[in-house]
Protein backbone atom coordinates (compact mmCIF):
# COMPACT_ATOMS: atom_id res chain seq x y z
CA MET A 1 -19.07 8.11 2.02
CA ASN A 2 -18.99 11.86 2.65
CA PHE A 3 -19.54 13.50 6.03
CA LEU A 4 -23.27 14.12 5.55
CA GLU A 5 -23.97 10.60 4.30
CA PHE A 6 -22.07 9.24 7.30
CA ALA A 7 -24.11 11.40 9.65
CA LYS A 8 -27.41 10.25 8.13
CA GLU A 9 -26.47 6.59 8.51
CA VAL A 10 -25.28 7.07 12.11
CA LEU A 11 -28.47 8.83 13.16
CA LYS A 12 -30.67 6.37 11.29
CA GLU A 13 -29.02 3.50 13.15
CA ASP A 14 -29.60 5.02 16.59
CA ILE A 15 -32.90 6.86 16.20
CA GLY A 16 -34.64 4.21 14.14
CA ARG A 17 -38.34 5.03 13.76
CA GLY A 18 -38.09 7.92 16.23
CA ASP A 19 -36.84 8.84 19.68
CA LEU A 20 -39.53 7.77 22.15
CA PHE A 21 -38.46 10.49 24.63
CA GLU A 22 -39.26 13.10 22.00
CA ARG A 23 -42.90 11.94 21.89
CA VAL A 24 -43.39 12.97 25.50
CA ALA A 25 -40.93 15.74 26.38
CA LYS A 26 -41.35 19.38 25.39
CA PRO A 27 -38.17 20.80 23.81
CA THR A 28 -36.41 23.71 25.46
CA ARG A 29 -33.39 25.70 24.34
CA SER A 30 -30.44 23.97 26.02
CA THR A 31 -26.65 23.93 26.16
CA ALA A 32 -24.35 20.95 26.47
CA LYS A 33 -20.62 20.46 26.80
CA ILE A 34 -18.40 17.62 25.64
CA LEU A 35 -15.95 16.78 28.39
CA ALA A 36 -12.72 14.81 28.22
CA LYS A 37 -12.32 12.35 31.08
CA SER A 38 -8.99 10.99 29.82
CA ASP A 39 -6.02 12.25 27.77
CA GLY A 40 -5.87 11.83 24.00
CA VAL A 41 -5.63 13.23 20.48
CA PHE A 42 -8.86 14.70 19.14
CA ALA A 43 -10.42 13.56 15.85
CA GLY A 44 -13.87 13.44 14.30
CA ARG A 45 -14.85 17.10 14.09
CA PRO A 46 -16.13 17.24 10.46
CA TYR A 47 -18.19 14.09 11.00
CA VAL A 48 -19.68 15.45 14.22
CA GLU A 49 -20.43 18.79 12.59
CA ALA A 50 -22.42 16.92 9.93
CA ILE A 51 -24.45 15.19 12.65
CA GLY A 52 -25.02 18.57 14.29
CA LYS A 53 -26.16 20.09 11.00
CA LEU A 54 -28.87 17.46 10.60
CA LEU A 55 -30.06 18.09 14.17
CA GLU A 56 -29.74 21.89 13.89
CA LEU A 57 -27.20 22.06 16.68
CA GLU A 58 -24.69 24.91 17.04
CA PHE A 59 -21.11 24.01 18.01
CA ASN A 60 -18.49 26.14 19.70
CA TRP A 61 -15.31 24.10 19.37
CA LYS A 62 -12.47 24.42 21.87
CA ILE A 63 -10.19 22.04 19.96
CA GLU A 64 -9.24 21.10 16.39
CA ASP A 65 -8.55 17.72 14.83
CA GLY A 66 -5.03 16.51 15.61
CA LYS A 67 -4.65 18.51 18.83
CA LYS A 68 -3.99 16.84 22.16
CA PHE A 69 -6.35 17.18 25.09
CA LYS A 70 -6.11 16.43 28.78
CA LYS A 71 -8.53 14.95 31.28
CA GLY A 72 -10.90 17.70 32.37
CA ASP A 73 -10.73 19.70 29.13
CA ILE A 74 -13.98 20.92 27.56
CA LEU A 75 -13.75 19.91 23.90
CA ALA A 76 -16.83 21.75 22.71
CA THR A 77 -20.04 23.39 23.81
CA LEU A 78 -23.22 23.04 21.77
CA GLN A 79 -26.66 24.56 21.74
CA GLY A 80 -30.03 23.52 20.41
CA ASP A 81 -33.36 22.06 21.36
CA SER A 82 -33.03 19.74 24.35
CA THR A 83 -34.61 16.87 22.45
CA SER A 84 -32.12 17.29 19.59
CA LEU A 85 -29.18 17.36 21.99
CA LEU A 86 -30.34 14.19 23.68
CA LYS A 87 -31.21 12.52 20.38
CA GLY A 88 -27.72 13.14 19.02
CA GLU A 89 -25.74 12.54 22.22
CA ARG A 90 -24.69 8.92 21.62
CA SER A 91 -24.03 9.38 17.91
CA ILE A 92 -21.86 12.43 18.58
CA LEU A 93 -19.93 10.75 21.39
CA ASN A 94 -19.45 7.47 19.53
CA THR A 95 -18.05 9.34 16.54
CA ILE A 96 -15.61 11.35 18.64
CA LEU A 97 -14.61 8.34 20.71
CA HIS A 98 -13.99 6.07 17.73
CA ALA A 99 -12.00 8.63 15.75
CA SER A 100 -10.07 10.07 18.71
CA SER A 101 -9.14 6.65 20.06
CA ILE A 102 -7.61 5.64 16.72
CA ALA A 103 -5.89 9.02 16.34
CA THR A 104 -4.46 8.70 19.84
CA ASN A 105 -3.08 5.22 19.16
CA ALA A 106 -1.70 6.34 15.79
CA ASN A 107 0.04 9.27 17.42
CA ARG A 108 1.83 6.96 19.86
CA PHE A 109 3.45 5.16 16.90
CA VAL A 110 4.38 8.47 15.26
CA GLU A 111 5.95 9.86 18.42
CA ILE A 112 8.16 6.80 18.83
CA ALA A 113 9.18 6.94 15.15
CA GLN A 114 10.27 10.60 15.46
CA GLY A 115 10.31 10.99 11.69
CA LYS A 116 12.93 8.26 11.22
CA ILE A 117 10.48 5.96 9.46
CA THR A 118 7.06 6.24 7.81
CA ILE A 119 4.19 4.73 9.79
CA LEU A 120 1.44 3.19 7.67
CA ASP A 121 -2.00 1.82 8.47
CA THR A 122 -3.54 -1.22 6.73
CA ARG A 123 -6.80 -2.43 5.20
CA LYS A 124 -7.73 -4.16 8.45
CA THR A 125 -10.68 -1.85 9.00
CA ARG A 126 -14.26 -2.42 10.06
CA PRO A 127 -16.65 -2.97 7.13
CA LYS A 128 -18.10 0.29 5.76
CA LEU A 129 -15.82 2.35 8.05
CA ARG A 130 -12.54 2.28 6.10
CA GLU A 131 -12.66 5.91 5.01
CA PHE A 132 -13.59 7.04 8.52
CA GLU A 133 -10.95 4.94 10.30
CA LYS A 134 -8.20 5.86 7.87
CA TYR A 135 -9.18 9.51 8.29
CA ALA A 136 -8.59 9.04 12.02
CA THR A 137 -5.11 7.54 11.50
CA ARG A 138 -4.17 10.53 9.32
CA VAL A 139 -5.29 12.90 12.06
CA GLY A 140 -2.96 11.00 14.40
CA GLY A 141 -0.05 11.52 11.99
CA VAL A 142 0.01 8.16 10.23
CA VAL A 143 0.27 7.86 6.42
CA ASN A 144 -2.44 5.81 4.73
CA HIS A 145 -1.43 2.61 3.01
CA ARG A 146 -3.65 1.74 0.04
CA MET A 147 -7.33 2.50 0.46
CA GLY A 148 -8.38 -0.52 -1.57
CA LEU A 149 -7.44 -3.02 -4.24
CA ASP A 150 -7.66 -0.35 -6.93
CA ASP A 151 -4.80 1.96 -5.99
CA CYS A 152 -1.80 -0.38 -5.70
CA LEU A 153 -1.15 -3.89 -6.93
CA MET A 154 0.01 -5.84 -3.91
CA LEU A 155 1.00 -9.45 -4.42
CA LYS A 156 0.54 -11.27 -1.12
CA ASP A 157 1.47 -14.88 -0.46
CA THR A 158 -2.05 -15.92 -1.42
CA HIS A 159 -1.73 -14.16 -4.78
CA LEU A 160 1.70 -15.63 -5.48
CA LYS A 161 0.42 -19.18 -5.02
CA THR A 162 -2.05 -18.68 -7.87
CA LEU A 163 0.51 -17.54 -10.48
CA ASN A 164 1.23 -19.92 -13.32
CA GLN A 165 4.25 -17.91 -14.47
CA THR A 166 7.36 -16.41 -12.90
CA LEU A 167 7.04 -13.31 -10.76
CA LYS A 168 9.10 -11.33 -13.26
CA GLU A 169 6.83 -12.36 -16.14
CA PHE A 170 3.74 -11.44 -14.17
CA ILE A 171 5.07 -7.99 -13.22
CA GLN A 172 6.07 -7.28 -16.82
CA GLN A 173 2.54 -8.19 -17.90
CA ALA A 174 1.00 -6.12 -15.09
CA ARG A 175 2.91 -2.99 -16.13
CA LYS A 176 0.99 -3.06 -19.42
CA LYS A 177 -2.43 -3.38 -17.81
CA ILE A 178 -2.51 -1.36 -14.59
CA PRO A 179 -2.46 2.47 -14.50
CA PHE A 180 0.91 4.06 -15.24
CA SER A 181 1.05 5.69 -11.80
CA SER A 182 0.17 2.55 -9.82
CA LYS A 183 2.92 0.84 -7.83
CA ILE A 184 3.51 -2.88 -7.51
CA GLU A 185 4.30 -4.26 -4.06
CA VAL A 186 5.37 -7.81 -3.31
CA GLU A 187 4.98 -9.43 0.09
CA CYS A 188 8.07 -11.49 0.97
CA GLU A 189 8.55 -13.87 3.87
CA SER A 190 12.24 -14.62 3.33
CA LEU A 191 15.48 -13.11 2.06
CA HIS A 192 15.30 -15.40 -0.95
CA MET A 193 11.83 -14.15 -1.86
CA ALA A 194 12.93 -10.52 -1.40
CA LYS A 195 15.80 -11.06 -3.85
CA GLU A 196 13.36 -12.50 -6.38
CA ALA A 197 11.06 -9.47 -5.96
CA PHE A 198 14.01 -7.09 -6.43
CA GLU A 199 15.04 -8.82 -9.64
CA ALA A 200 11.46 -9.01 -10.89
CA GLY A 201 11.08 -5.22 -10.77
CA ALA A 202 8.84 -4.57 -7.78
CA ASP A 203 8.39 -0.95 -6.66
CA ILE A 204 7.93 -1.89 -3.00
CA VAL A 205 9.07 -5.00 -1.16
CA MET A 206 7.31 -5.88 2.07
CA CYS A 207 9.27 -7.87 4.64
CA ASP A 208 6.41 -9.80 6.17
CA ASN A 209 6.98 -11.43 9.56
CA MET A 210 10.74 -11.59 8.94
CA GLU A 211 13.28 -11.75 11.74
CA LEU A 212 15.07 -8.46 12.36
CA GLU A 213 18.45 -9.80 11.24
CA GLU A 214 16.95 -11.02 7.98
CA ILE A 215 15.36 -7.61 7.37
CA LYS A 216 18.79 -6.01 7.83
CA LYS A 217 20.15 -8.27 5.09
CA VAL A 218 17.30 -7.26 2.78
CA VAL A 219 18.09 -3.61 3.48
CA GLU A 220 21.77 -4.18 2.74
CA ILE A 221 21.01 -5.73 -0.67
CA ARG A 222 18.51 -2.99 -1.48
CA ASN A 223 20.96 -0.23 -0.59
CA ARG A 224 23.72 -1.80 -2.63
CA SER A 225 21.87 -2.82 -5.79
CA TYR A 226 18.28 -1.53 -5.83
CA PRO A 227 18.23 1.92 -4.14
CA HIS A 228 15.04 2.94 -6.00
CA ILE A 229 12.94 0.22 -4.33
CA LEU A 230 11.05 1.03 -1.14
CA LEU A 231 11.08 -1.37 1.80
CA GLU A 232 8.19 -1.94 4.16
CA ALA A 233 8.01 -4.23 7.18
CA SER A 234 4.82 -5.69 8.59
CA GLY A 235 3.67 -8.38 10.98
CA ASN A 236 3.43 -8.19 14.77
CA ILE A 237 4.97 -4.72 14.97
CA THR A 238 3.94 -3.04 18.21
CA LEU A 239 4.69 0.09 20.20
CA GLU A 240 7.07 -2.01 22.28
CA ASN A 241 9.25 -3.29 19.41
CA LEU A 242 8.90 -0.42 16.92
CA LYS A 243 12.33 1.04 17.70
CA GLU A 244 13.99 -2.24 16.74
CA TYR A 245 12.42 -2.07 13.28
CA ILE A 246 13.47 1.55 12.86
CA GLN A 247 17.08 0.49 13.42
CA THR A 248 16.98 -1.98 10.50
CA GLY A 249 16.99 0.82 7.93
CA ILE A 250 13.65 0.08 6.23
CA ASP A 251 11.54 2.92 4.86
CA ALA A 252 8.19 2.16 6.47
CA ILE A 253 6.26 -0.13 8.77
CA SER A 254 2.58 -0.99 8.51
CA SER A 255 0.49 -2.13 11.43
CA GLY A 256 -3.16 -3.10 11.59
CA SER A 257 -3.04 -2.64 15.36
CA ILE A 258 -3.08 1.14 14.89
CA ILE A 259 -6.79 0.75 14.18
CA HIS A 260 -7.97 -2.57 15.57
CA GLN A 261 -6.10 -2.31 18.87
CA ALA A 262 -7.12 1.27 19.64
CA VAL A 263 -8.71 1.38 23.10
CA TRP A 264 -11.62 3.77 23.54
CA LEU A 265 -11.02 6.91 25.55
CA ASP A 266 -13.41 8.36 28.12
CA ILE A 267 -15.43 11.32 26.85
CA SER A 268 -18.90 12.37 27.95
CA MET A 269 -21.59 14.96 27.31
CA LYS A 270 -23.26 17.03 30.02
CA VAL A 271 -26.51 18.86 29.29
CA GLU A 272 -27.19 22.17 31.00
CA LEU A 273 -30.56 23.92 30.79
């Protein structure tokens, strides 16, 4: 969904068959400001601009995507008919709040990592909002994991239970059928399973819910015998324990909490005649 399509859907959801206030009030040329009432990392500008375009609002931005803001900062001023400002207020704020809250949470992970490890998001996104939410994690500095089932073949535990052949045989068969540039990732819950994935020819091995000491052993084997294979860790990785995972020597961690545990910030709009 592109920015304009997103904006149309957002406004359709909130305005419905028409803003009842607009039936009564006479529009006047008005100005509004978007005010930060908490600290954070800003995201959502292109989506908000699309909403503004549909409502014929003019924006004067004081901040760009990816920049930090403080409580009390004015993020933007906007002008237009008073009825249009009021009609778009909640859609504009919800978009900024949703995107900025995810970007802020993502940035916390990135700041702790300090470039020592790649931070990835996951497919644990709200239905119909994957592109939007993954956009927000990128603004916060996180690297997107796969966008969907079509850009990487990941074999999770549920997939592995359905195979009627060895993992190595399946991967050899998959290489002939998936795009040449697509990677194959295998989710492993034990050192034994990781060894099997190494030998089977996986491109990426995910250490899923493994103990830290076991992950270190996986890293040791990878470094010694399979240096071309990437290692990812996932499962209950938080801001509090992230540093421990960095010290194992893996290449990346993925965490769904970057998106689904993002707590909304406090941002408001004030209309001035």
